[in-house]
């Protein structure tokens, strides 16, 4: 068979099968039912924050979304406790945050940096705990709640997966974060080492006699600095993925796909009015029509 004839046969086969291949989708196969309550229907941290909405919720004039409560309390600590009517926790929140920060500032100004550091850490932990407490005490109308799942994952990686009862994902995300932290520490240590060697090798006042010359030290310094930055980026990516995962799978908790999966193959006729066929003078052809229903 000559090459010219083979080319025409292939062209005709493509015309018969290509333009008529189609996928038929069942519209009701992908359905999701959400709560119609306005306080929960669009609840997520991606909702734009409104001070009017936030302070109206603190005054208990109306319900506010979990994301609005979290964002407002992040700006003004204690808002979660006010909205949840846990007023007795406010002295603990403000005492821990303001007391820790004030003691840290005082100790640091008097040269006691180690104690000041722990006071600042205590203030930060109190601030974090106030947000987590407010999220736990928030009582949505549905479970799992996308807003709570997302905020859980923001405050503590993996907590959103625990809330969604997807425990099998914990080793994946925790393992990824631990691995990123390990490589960050390893690359940072090597970066500091070769940076020190490079400084010593290029300092005319230092009698450097090490086995690594300045050019080699410079190369490894830049390499490990780049790897260190990659480790930070990888940590951020894994952290963001677990937040997105918690949000998406809480939304898709009631997602239903019917078991009706069929593949239909039936003959079809191609009319010569298709653009490619009319341009190349190809007559009508007979082919197969593929239909996928799921």
C-alpha atoms as a PDB file:
ATOM      1  CA  UNK A   1       0.000   0.000   0.000  1.00  0.00           C
ATOM      2  CA  UNK A   2       1.470   3.328  -1.008  1.00  0.00           C
ATOM      3  CA  UNK A   3       2.130   6.027   1.557  1.00  0.00           C
ATOM      4  CA  UNK A   4      -0.310   8.442  -0.151  1.00  0.00           C
ATOM      5  CA  UNK A   5      -3.244   6.001   0.160  1.00  0.00           C
ATOM      6  CA  UNK A   6      -2.392   5.165   3.764  1.00  0.00           C
ATOM      7  CA  UNK A   7      -2.493   8.838   4.643  1.00  0.00           C
ATOM      8  CA  UNK A   8      -5.981   9.211   3.178  1.00  0.00           C
ATOM      9  CA  UNK A   9      -7.257   6.157   5.056  1.00  0.00           C
ATOM     10  CA  UNK A  10      -5.970   7.495   8.366  1.00  0.00           C
ATOM     11  CA  UNK A  11      -7.555  10.866   7.654  1.00  0.00           C
ATOM     12  CA  UNK A  12     -10.943   9.289   6.962  1.00  0.00           C
ATOM     13  CA  UNK A  13     -10.768   7.174  10.146  1.00  0.00           C
ATOM     14  CA  UNK A  14     -10.012  10.239  12.214  1.00  0.00           C
ATOM     15  CA  UNK A  15     -12.960  12.049  10.655  1.00  0.00           C
ATOM     16  CA  UNK A  16     -15.230   9.142  11.437  1.00  0.00           C
ATOM     17  CA  UNK A  17     -14.241   8.803  15.084  1.00  0.00           C
ATOM     18  CA  UNK A  18     -12.970  12.194  16.209  1.00  0.00           C
ATOM     19  CA  UNK A  19     -15.811  14.671  15.607  1.00  0.00           C
ATOM     20  CA  UNK A  20     -18.514  12.293  16.831  1.00  0.00           C
ATOM     21  CA  UNK A  21     -16.884  11.214  20.069  1.00  0.00           C
ATOM     22  CA  UNK A  22     -18.928  12.750  22.854  1.00  0.00           C
ATOM     23  CA  UNK A  23     -19.454  12.295  26.566  1.00  0.00           C
ATOM     24  CA  UNK A  24     -22.954  12.377  27.996  1.00  0.00           C
ATOM     25  CA  UNK A  25     -23.139  13.530  31.618  1.00  0.00           C
ATOM     26  CA  UNK A  26     -26.022  13.000  33.970  1.00  0.00           C
ATOM     27  CA  UNK A  27     -26.745  16.370  35.513  1.00  0.00           C
ATOM     28  CA  UNK A  28     -28.059  15.051  38.802  1.00  0.00           C
ATOM     29  CA  UNK A  29     -25.030  12.858  39.381  1.00  0.00           C
ATOM     30  CA  UNK A  30     -23.096  15.704  40.999  1.00  0.00           C
ATOM     31  CA  UNK A  31     -25.433  17.218  43.534  1.00  0.00           C
ATOM     32  CA  UNK A  32     -24.691  18.834  46.858  1.00  0.00           C
ATOM     33  CA  UNK A  33     -27.242  19.842  49.428  1.00  0.00           C
ATOM     34  CA  UNK A  34     -26.360  22.659  51.776  1.00  0.00           C
ATOM     35  CA  UNK A  35     -28.117  24.149  54.717  1.00  0.00           C
ATOM     36  CA  UNK A  36     -30.212  27.110  53.599  1.00  0.00           C
ATOM     37  CA  UNK A  37     -29.739  28.972  56.846  1.00  0.00           C
ATOM     38  CA  UNK A  38     -28.152  32.337  56.035  1.00  0.00           C
ATOM     39  CA  UNK A  39     -25.850  32.147  59.033  1.00  0.00           C
ATOM     40  CA  UNK A  40     -24.227  28.939  57.783  1.00  0.00           C
ATOM     41  CA  UNK A  41     -24.914  28.581  54.056  1.00  0.00           C
ATOM     42  CA  UNK A  42     -21.817  30.483  52.907  1.00  0.00           C
ATOM     43  CA  UNK A  43     -19.780  30.142  56.035  1.00  0.00           C
ATOM     44  CA  UNK A  44     -16.074  30.002  55.410  1.00  0.00           C
ATOM     45  CA  UNK A  45     -13.059  32.133  56.188  1.00  0.00           C
ATOM     46  CA  UNK A  46     -13.084  33.440  52.607  1.00  0.00           C
ATOM     47  CA  UNK A  47     -16.168  35.581  53.402  1.00  0.00           C
ATOM     48  CA  UNK A  48     -15.264  39.255  53.471  1.00  0.00           C
ATOM     49  CA  UNK A  49     -14.937  40.609  56.996  1.00  0.00           C
ATOM     50  CA  UNK A  50     -17.368  43.291  58.142  1.00  0.00           C
ATOM     51  CA  UNK A  51     -16.929  45.229  61.389  1.00  0.00           C
ATOM     52  CA  UNK A  52     -20.638  46.007  61.402  1.00  0.00           C
ATOM     53  CA  UNK A  53     -21.472  42.331  61.144  1.00  0.00           C
ATOM     54  CA  UNK A  54     -18.822  41.420  63.711  1.00  0.00           C
ATOM     55  CA  UNK A  55     -19.824  43.908  66.407  1.00  0.00           C
ATOM     56  CA  UNK A  56     -23.479  43.166  65.776  1.00  0.00           C
ATOM     57  CA  UNK A  57     -22.720  39.540  66.557  1.00  0.00           C
ATOM     58  CA  UNK A  58     -20.795  40.488  69.717  1.00  0.00           C
ATOM     59  CA  UNK A  59     -23.898  42.418  70.824  1.00  0.00           C
ATOM     60  CA  UNK A  60     -25.889  39.231  70.105  1.00  0.00           C
ATOM     61  CA  UNK A  61     -28.158  41.027  67.671  1.00  0.00           C
ATOM     62  CA  UNK A  62     -27.684  38.290  65.106  1.00  0.00           C
ATOM     63  CA  UNK A  63     -25.566  35.254  64.374  1.00  0.00           C
ATOM     64  CA  UNK A  64     -22.211  35.672  62.679  1.00  0.00           C
ATOM     65  CA  UNK A  65     -20.241  33.277  60.578  1.00  0.00           C
ATOM     66  CA  UNK A  66     -17.386  31.328  62.056  1.00  0.00           C
ATOM     67  CA  UNK A  67     -14.894  33.008  59.746  1.00  0.00           C
ATOM     68  CA  UNK A  68     -16.081  36.491  60.755  1.00  0.00           C
ATOM     69  CA  UNK A  69     -15.818  35.588  64.442  1.00  0.00           C
ATOM     70  CA  UNK A  70     -12.301  34.225  63.949  1.00  0.00           C
ATOM     71  CA  UNK A  71     -11.078  37.219  61.931  1.00  0.00           C
ATOM     72  CA  UNK A  72     -12.519  39.706  64.412  1.00  0.00           C
ATOM     73  CA  UNK A  73     -11.033  37.897  67.390  1.00  0.00           C
ATOM     74  CA  UNK A  74      -7.671  37.770  65.635  1.00  0.00           C
ATOM     75  CA  UNK A  75      -7.774  41.577  65.460  1.00  0.00           C
ATOM     76  CA  UNK A  76      -9.413  42.124  68.861  1.00  0.00           C
ATOM     77  CA  UNK A  77      -8.641  39.225  71.242  1.00  0.00           C
ATOM     78  CA  UNK A  78     -11.514  38.039  73.373  1.00  0.00           C
ATOM     79  CA  UNK A  79     -14.215  38.483  70.755  1.00  0.00           C
ATOM     80  CA  UNK A  80     -14.757  34.730  70.492  1.00  0.00           C
ATOM     81  CA  UNK A  81     -15.401  34.505  74.222  1.00  0.00           C
ATOM     82  CA  UNK A  82     -17.838  37.421  74.133  1.00  0.00           C
ATOM     83  CA  UNK A  83     -19.795  35.935  71.224  1.00  0.00           C
ATOM     84  CA  UNK A  84     -19.916  32.516  72.900  1.00  0.00           C
ATOM     85  CA  UNK A  85     -20.934  34.181  76.214  1.00  0.00           C
ATOM     86  CA  UNK A  86     -17.878  32.843  78.014  1.00  0.00           C
ATOM     87  CA  UNK A  87     -17.305  36.128  79.813  1.00  0.00           C
ATOM     88  CA  UNK A  88     -15.441  34.524  82.707  1.00  0.00           C
ATOM     89  CA  UNK A  89     -12.598  33.660  80.301  1.00  0.00           C
ATOM     90  CA  UNK A  90     -11.880  37.296  79.413  1.00  0.00           C
ATOM     91  CA  UNK A  91      -9.654  38.000  82.466  1.00  0.00           C
ATOM     92  CA  UNK A  92      -7.611  34.904  81.584  1.00  0.00           C
ATOM     93  CA  UNK A  93      -7.247  35.968  77.940  1.00  0.00           C
ATOM     94  CA  UNK A  94      -6.318  39.582  78.596  1.00  0.00           C
ATOM     95  CA  UNK A  95      -4.282  38.751  81.661  1.00  0.00           C
ATOM     96  CA  UNK A  96      -2.238  36.182  79.751  1.00  0.00           C
ATOM     97  CA  UNK A  97      -1.703  38.335  76.666  1.00  0.00           C
ATOM     98  CA  UNK A  98      -1.153  41.741  78.275  1.00  0.00           C
ATOM     99  CA  UNK A  99       0.581  40.372  81.349  1.00  0.00           C
ATOM    100  CA  UNK A 100       2.963  38.210  79.327  1.00  0.00           C
ATOM    101  CA  UNK A 101       3.758  40.956  76.843  1.00  0.00           C
ATOM    102  CA  UNK A 102       4.247  43.551  79.594  1.00  0.00           C
ATOM    103  CA  UNK A 103       6.478  41.288  81.668  1.00  0.00           C
ATOM    104  CA  UNK A 104       8.485  40.394  78.589  1.00  0.00           C
ATOM    105  CA  UNK A 105       9.028  44.039  77.718  1.00  0.00           C
ATOM    106  CA  UNK A 106      10.064  44.856  81.273  1.00  0.00           C
ATOM    107  CA  UNK A 107      12.498  41.944  81.582  1.00  0.00           C
ATOM    108  CA  UNK A 108      13.974  42.589  78.155  1.00  0.00           C
ATOM    109  CA  UNK A 109      14.583  46.253  78.967  1.00  0.00           C
ATOM    110  CA  UNK A 110      16.485  45.155  82.103  1.00  0.00           C
ATOM    111  CA  UNK A 111      18.687  42.727  80.207  1.00  0.00           C
ATOM    112  CA  UNK A 112      16.989  39.466  81.199  1.00  0.00           C
ATOM    113  CA  UNK A 113      16.404  38.304  77.635  1.00  0.00           C
ATOM    114  CA  UNK A 114      15.907  34.611  78.408  1.00  0.00           C
ATOM    115  CA  UNK A 115      13.039  35.195  80.830  1.00  0.00           C
ATOM    116  CA  UNK A 116      11.593  37.856  78.519  1.00  0.00           C
ATOM    117  CA  UNK A 117      11.526  35.376  75.680  1.00  0.00           C
ATOM    118  CA  UNK A 118       9.415  32.932  77.657  1.00  0.00           C
ATOM    119  CA  UNK A 119       7.029  35.697  78.702  1.00  0.00           C
ATOM    120  CA  UNK A 120       6.477  36.601  75.056  1.00  0.00           C
ATOM    121  CA  UNK A 121       5.958  32.924  74.240  1.00  0.00           C
ATOM    122  CA  UNK A 122       3.350  32.704  77.007  1.00  0.00           C
ATOM    123  CA  UNK A 123       1.507  35.714  75.614  1.00  0.00           C
ATOM    124  CA  UNK A 124       1.507  34.157  72.142  1.00  0.00           C
ATOM    125  CA  UNK A 125       0.255  30.816  73.430  1.00  0.00           C
ATOM    126  CA  UNK A 126      -2.567  32.546  75.313  1.00  0.00           C
ATOM    127  CA  UNK A 127      -3.551  34.434  72.162  1.00  0.00           C
ATOM    128  CA  UNK A 128      -3.525  31.203  70.121  1.00  0.00           C
ATOM    129  CA  UNK A 129      -5.491  29.325  72.795  1.00  0.00           C
ATOM    130  CA  UNK A 130      -8.172  32.039  72.880  1.00  0.00           C
ATOM    131  CA  UNK A 131      -8.779  31.617  69.145  1.00  0.00           C
ATOM    132  CA  UNK A 132      -8.854  27.836  69.389  1.00  0.00           C
ATOM    133  CA  UNK A 133     -11.212  27.969  72.374  1.00  0.00           C
ATOM    134  CA  UNK A 134     -13.581  30.285  70.524  1.00  0.00           C
ATOM    135  CA  UNK A 135     -13.631  27.993  67.496  1.00  0.00           C
ATOM    136  CA  UNK A 136     -14.316  24.923  69.637  1.00  0.00           C
ATOM    137  CA  UNK A 137     -17.164  26.671  71.455  1.00  0.00           C
ATOM    138  CA  UNK A 138     -18.773  27.874  68.205  1.00  0.00           C
ATOM    139  CA  UNK A 139     -21.877  25.764  67.631  1.00  0.00           C
ATOM    140  CA  UNK A 140     -22.836  25.512  63.940  1.00  0.00           C
ATOM    141  CA  UNK A 141     -26.058  23.963  62.702  1.00  0.00           C
ATOM    142  CA  UNK A 142     -24.328  21.416  60.467  1.00  0.00           C
ATOM    143  CA  UNK A 143     -21.512  18.900  60.734  1.00  0.00           C
ATOM    144  CA  UNK A 144     -18.904  18.924  59.433  1.00  0.00           C
ATOM    145  CA  UNK A 145     -18.760  22.686  59.237  1.00  0.00           C
ATOM    146  CA  UNK A 146     -16.358  24.094  56.603  1.00  0.00           C
ATOM    147  CA  UNK A 147     -15.572  27.204  58.627  1.00  0.00           C
ATOM    148  CA  UNK A 148     -14.619  25.248  61.738  1.00  0.00           C
ATOM    149  CA  UNK A 149     -12.619  22.685  59.760  1.00  0.00           C
ATOM    150  CA  UNK A 150     -10.646  25.427  57.998  1.00  0.00           C
ATOM    151  CA  UNK A 151      -9.890  27.396  61.149  1.00  0.00           C
ATOM    152  CA  UNK A 152      -8.896  24.223  62.985  1.00  0.00           C
ATOM    153  CA  UNK A 153      -6.320  23.508  60.282  1.00  0.00           C
ATOM    154  CA  UNK A 154      -5.054  27.082  60.374  1.00  0.00           C
ATOM    155  CA  UNK A 155      -4.532  26.995  64.121  1.00  0.00           C
ATOM    156  CA  UNK A 156      -3.156  23.448  64.308  1.00  0.00           C
ATOM    157  CA  UNK A 157      -2.138  21.425  61.232  1.00  0.00           C
ATOM    158  CA  UNK A 158      -4.102  18.192  61.036  1.00  0.00           C
ATOM    159  CA  UNK A 159      -6.810  19.300  63.451  1.00  0.00           C
ATOM    160  CA  UNK A 160      -9.205  19.938  60.569  1.00  0.00           C
ATOM    161  CA  UNK A 161      -8.693  16.374  59.359  1.00  0.00           C
ATOM    162  CA  UNK A 162      -9.421  15.101  62.873  1.00  0.00           C
ATOM    163  CA  UNK A 163     -12.583  17.200  62.923  1.00  0.00           C
ATOM    164  CA  UNK A 164     -13.618  15.706  59.560  1.00  0.00           C
ATOM    165  CA  UNK A 165     -12.789  12.229  60.942  1.00  0.00           C
ATOM    166  CA  UNK A 166     -10.242  11.591  58.193  1.00  0.00           C
ATOM    167  CA  UNK A 167      -7.570  10.290  60.536  1.00  0.00           C
ATOM    168  CA  UNK A 168      -5.695   8.424  57.813  1.00  0.00           C
ATOM    169  CA  UNK A 169      -4.498  11.752  56.396  1.00  0.00           C
ATOM    170  CA  UNK A 170      -2.654  12.733  59.560  1.00  0.00           C
ATOM    171  CA  UNK A 171       0.553  10.747  58.838  1.00  0.00           C
ATOM    172  CA  UNK A 172       0.685  12.318  55.372  1.00  0.00           C
ATOM    173  CA  UNK A 173       0.492  15.949  56.483  1.00  0.00           C
ATOM    174  CA  UNK A 174       2.339  15.583  59.773  1.00  0.00           C
ATOM    175  CA  UNK A 175       5.035  13.533  58.060  1.00  0.00           C
ATOM    176  CA  UNK A 176       5.345  16.162  55.327  1.00  0.00           C
ATOM    177  CA  UNK A 177       5.646  19.006  57.835  1.00  0.00           C
ATOM    178  CA  UNK A 178       8.179  17.140  59.970  1.00  0.00           C
ATOM    179  CA  UNK A 179      10.246  16.276  56.882  1.00  0.00           C
ATOM    180  CA  UNK A 180      10.228  19.923  55.745  1.00  0.00           C
ATOM    181  CA  UNK A 181      11.266  21.083  59.213  1.00  0.00           C
ATOM    182  CA  UNK A 182      14.061  18.505  59.316  1.00  0.00           C
ATOM    183  CA  UNK A 183      15.481  19.535  55.941  1.00  0.00           C
ATOM    184  CA  UNK A 184      15.159  23.196  56.861  1.00  0.00           C
ATOM    185  CA  UNK A 185      17.278  22.654  59.960  1.00  0.00           C
ATOM    186  CA  UNK A 186      19.795  20.540  58.038  1.00  0.00           C
ATOM    187  CA  UNK A 187      20.157  23.047  55.212  1.00  0.00           C
ATOM    188  CA  UNK A 188      20.277  26.001  57.594  1.00  0.00           C
ATOM    189  CA  UNK A 189      23.074  24.362  59.586  1.00  0.00           C
ATOM    190  CA  UNK A 190      25.122  23.685  56.459  1.00  0.00           C
ATOM    191  CA  UNK A 191      24.437  27.166  55.154  1.00  0.00           C
ATOM    192  CA  UNK A 192      25.716  28.729  58.377  1.00  0.00           C
ATOM    193  CA  UNK A 193      28.767  26.475  58.279  1.00  0.00           C
ATOM    194  CA  UNK A 194      29.856  27.345  54.747  1.00  0.00           C
ATOM    195  CA  UNK A 195      29.040  31.001  55.233  1.00  0.00           C
ATOM    196  CA  UNK A 196      31.407  31.043  58.215  1.00  0.00           C
ATOM    197  CA  UNK A 197      34.087  29.241  56.188  1.00  0.00           C
ATOM    198  CA  UNK A 198      33.712  31.678  53.301  1.00  0.00           C
ATOM    199  CA  UNK A 199      34.049  34.661  55.623  1.00  0.00           C
ATOM    200  CA  UNK A 200      37.163  33.228  57.202  1.00  0.00           C
ATOM    201  CA  UNK A 201      38.662  32.316  53.828  1.00  0.00           C
ATOM    202  CA  UNK A 202      38.150  35.823  52.426  1.00  0.00           C
ATOM    203  CA  UNK A 203      39.065  37.788  55.542  1.00  0.00           C
ATOM    204  CA  UNK A 204      42.666  39.078  55.166  1.00  0.00           C
ATOM    205  CA  UNK A 205      42.985  39.436  58.925  1.00  0.00           C
ATOM    206  CA  UNK A 206      42.289  35.735  59.518  1.00  0.00           C
ATOM    207  CA  UNK A 207      44.951  33.131  58.843  1.00  0.00           C
ATOM    208  CA  UNK A 208      42.650  30.574  57.273  1.00  0.00           C
ATOM    209  CA  UNK A 209      44.205  27.132  56.753  1.00  0.00           C
ATOM    210  CA  UNK A 210      41.103  24.975  56.254  1.00  0.00           C
ATOM    211  CA  UNK A 211      40.781  22.316  53.534  1.00  0.00           C
ATOM    212  CA  UNK A 212      37.888  24.140  51.789  1.00  0.00           C
ATOM    213  CA  UNK A 213      38.824  27.131  49.632  1.00  0.00           C
ATOM    214  CA  UNK A 214      36.763  30.286  49.237  1.00  0.00           C
ATOM    215  CA  UNK A 215      35.224  29.370  45.873  1.00  0.00           C
ATOM    216  CA  UNK A 216      34.045  25.976  47.123  1.00  0.00           C
ATOM    217  CA  UNK A 217      32.668  27.508  50.294  1.00  0.00           C
ATOM    218  CA  UNK A 218      30.831  30.150  48.272  1.00  0.00           C
ATOM    219  CA  UNK A 219      29.271  27.499  46.027  1.00  0.00           C
ATOM    220  CA  UNK A 220      28.010  25.389  48.929  1.00  0.00           C
ATOM    221  CA  UNK A 221      26.894  28.447  50.855  1.00  0.00           C
ATOM    222  CA  UNK A 222      24.629  29.532  47.997  1.00  0.00           C
ATOM    223  CA  UNK A 223      23.456  25.955  47.378  1.00  0.00           C
ATOM    224  CA  UNK A 224      22.393  25.307  50.954  1.00  0.00           C
ATOM    225  CA  UNK A 225      20.820  28.724  51.216  1.00  0.00           C
ATOM    226  CA  UNK A 226      18.690  27.876  48.196  1.00  0.00           C
ATOM    227  CA  UNK A 227      17.800  24.475  49.678  1.00  0.00           C
ATOM    228  CA  UNK A 228      16.902  26.175  52.952  1.00  0.00           C
ATOM    229  CA  UNK A 229      14.519  28.498  51.128  1.00  0.00           C
ATOM    230  CA  UNK A 230      13.026  25.538  49.261  1.00  0.00           C
ATOM    231  CA  UNK A 231      12.394  23.838  52.598  1.00  0.00           C
ATOM    232  CA  UNK A 232      10.476  26.874  53.828  1.00  0.00           C
ATOM    233  CA  UNK A 233       8.452  26.938  50.613  1.00  0.00           C
ATOM    234  CA  UNK A 234       7.704  23.217  50.858  1.00  0.00           C
ATOM    235  CA  UNK A 235       6.557  23.639  54.467  1.00  0.00           C
ATOM    236  CA  UNK A 236       4.208  26.459  53.425  1.00  0.00           C
ATOM    237  CA  UNK A 237       2.822  24.345  50.565  1.00  0.00           C
ATOM    238  CA  UNK A 238       2.105  21.333  52.815  1.00  0.00           C
ATOM    239  CA  UNK A 239       0.559  23.604  55.441  1.00  0.00           C
ATOM    240  CA  UNK A 240      -1.662  25.269  52.837  1.00  0.00           C
ATOM    241  CA  UNK A 241      -2.660  21.928  51.336  1.00  0.00           C
ATOM    242  CA  UNK A 242      -3.924  20.586  54.652  1.00  0.00           C
ATOM    243  CA  UNK A 243      -5.969  23.767  55.158  1.00  0.00           C
ATOM    244  CA  UNK A 244      -7.506  23.440  51.691  1.00  0.00           C
ATOM    245  CA  UNK A 245      -8.073  19.732  52.221  1.00  0.00           C
ATOM    246  CA  UNK A 246      -9.976  20.337  55.471  1.00  0.00           C
ATOM    247  CA  UNK A 247     -12.176  22.962  53.827  1.00  0.00           C
ATOM    248  CA  UNK A 248     -12.921  21.047  50.614  1.00  0.00           C
ATOM    249  CA  UNK A 249     -13.681  17.696  52.218  1.00  0.00           C
ATOM    250  CA  UNK A 250     -15.939  19.257  54.841  1.00  0.00           C
ATOM    251  CA  UNK A 251     -17.938  20.786  51.990  1.00  0.00           C
ATOM    252  CA  UNK A 252     -17.982  17.455  50.142  1.00  0.00           C
ATOM    253  CA  UNK A 253     -19.073  15.431  53.162  1.00  0.00           C
ATOM    254  CA  UNK A 254     -22.547  14.873  51.690  1.00  0.00           C
ATOM    255  CA  UNK A 255     -21.338  14.791  48.089  1.00  0.00           C
ATOM    256  CA  UNK A 256     -23.121  11.967  46.269  1.00  0.00           C
ATOM    257  CA  UNK A 257     -22.245  10.224  43.016  1.00  0.00           C
ATOM    258  CA  UNK A 258     -24.709   7.682  41.697  1.00  0.00           C
ATOM    259  CA  UNK A 259     -23.563   4.190  40.837  1.00  0.00           C
ATOM    260  CA  UNK A 260     -25.114   4.352  37.361  1.00  0.00           C
ATOM    261  CA  UNK A 261     -21.950   4.129  35.244  1.00  0.00           C
ATOM    262  CA  UNK A 262     -22.421   3.005  31.653  1.00  0.00           C
ATOM    263  CA  UNK A 263     -20.562   3.197  28.360  1.00  0.00           C
ATOM    264  CA  UNK A 264     -22.641   3.285  25.184  1.00  0.00           C
ATOM    265  CA  UNK A 265     -21.204   2.681  21.719  1.00  0.00           C
ATOM    266  CA  UNK A 266     -23.449   3.271  18.730  1.00  0.00           C
ATOM    267  CA  UNK A 267     -22.971   4.020  15.034  1.00  0.00           C
ATOM    268  CA  UNK A 268     -22.990   7.575  13.766  1.00  0.00           C
ATOM    269  CA  UNK A 269     -22.899   9.308  10.383  1.00  0.00           C
ATOM    270  CA  UNK A 270     -20.638  12.276   9.732  1.00  0.00           C
ATOM    271  CA  UNK A 271     -22.072  14.858   7.416  1.00  0.00           C
ATOM    272  CA  UNK A 272     -19.645  16.600   5.052  1.00  0.00           C
ATOM    273  CA  UNK A 273     -20.498  20.019   6.468  1.00  0.00           C
ATOM    274  CA  UNK A 274     -17.878  19.828   9.210  1.00  0.00           C
ATOM    275  CA  UNK A 275     -15.116  22.378   8.747  1.00  0.00           C
ATOM    276  CA  UNK A 276     -12.308  19.895   8.229  1.00  0.00           C
ATOM    277  CA  UNK A 277     -14.301  17.633   5.941  1.00  0.00           C
ATOM    278  CA  UNK A 278     -15.538  20.450   3.734  1.00  0.00           C
ATOM    279  CA  UNK A 279     -12.041  21.873   3.390  1.00  0.00           C
ATOM    280  CA  UNK A 280     -10.565  18.570   2.308  1.00  0.00           C
ATOM    281  CA  UNK A 281     -13.435  17.330   0.171  1.00  0.00           C
ATOM    282  CA  UNK A 282     -14.132  14.278   2.303  1.00  0.00           C
ATOM    283  CA  UNK A 283     -17.593  12.752   1.779  1.00  0.00           C
ATOM    284  CA  UNK A 284     -19.950  11.521   4.489  1.00  0.00           C
ATOM    285  CA  UNK A 285     -18.587   8.699   6.589  1.00  0.00           C
ATOM    286  CA  UNK A 286     -19.760   6.152   9.077  1.00  0.00           C
ATOM    287  CA  UNK A 287     -18.173   5.943  12.536  1.00  0.00           C
ATOM    288  CA  UNK A 288     -18.826   5.150  16.152  1.00  0.00           C
ATOM    289  CA  UNK A 289     -20.353   7.378  18.818  1.00  0.00           C
ATOM    290  CA  UNK A 290     -19.074   6.906  22.362  1.00  0.00           C
ATOM    291  CA  UNK A 291     -21.361   7.885  25.235  1.00  0.00           C
ATOM    292  CA  UNK A 292     -20.230   7.827  28.858  1.00  0.00           C
ATOM    293  CA  UNK A 293     -22.864   8.240  31.560  1.00  0.00           C
ATOM    294  CA  UNK A 294     -21.909   8.534  35.209  1.00  0.00           C
END
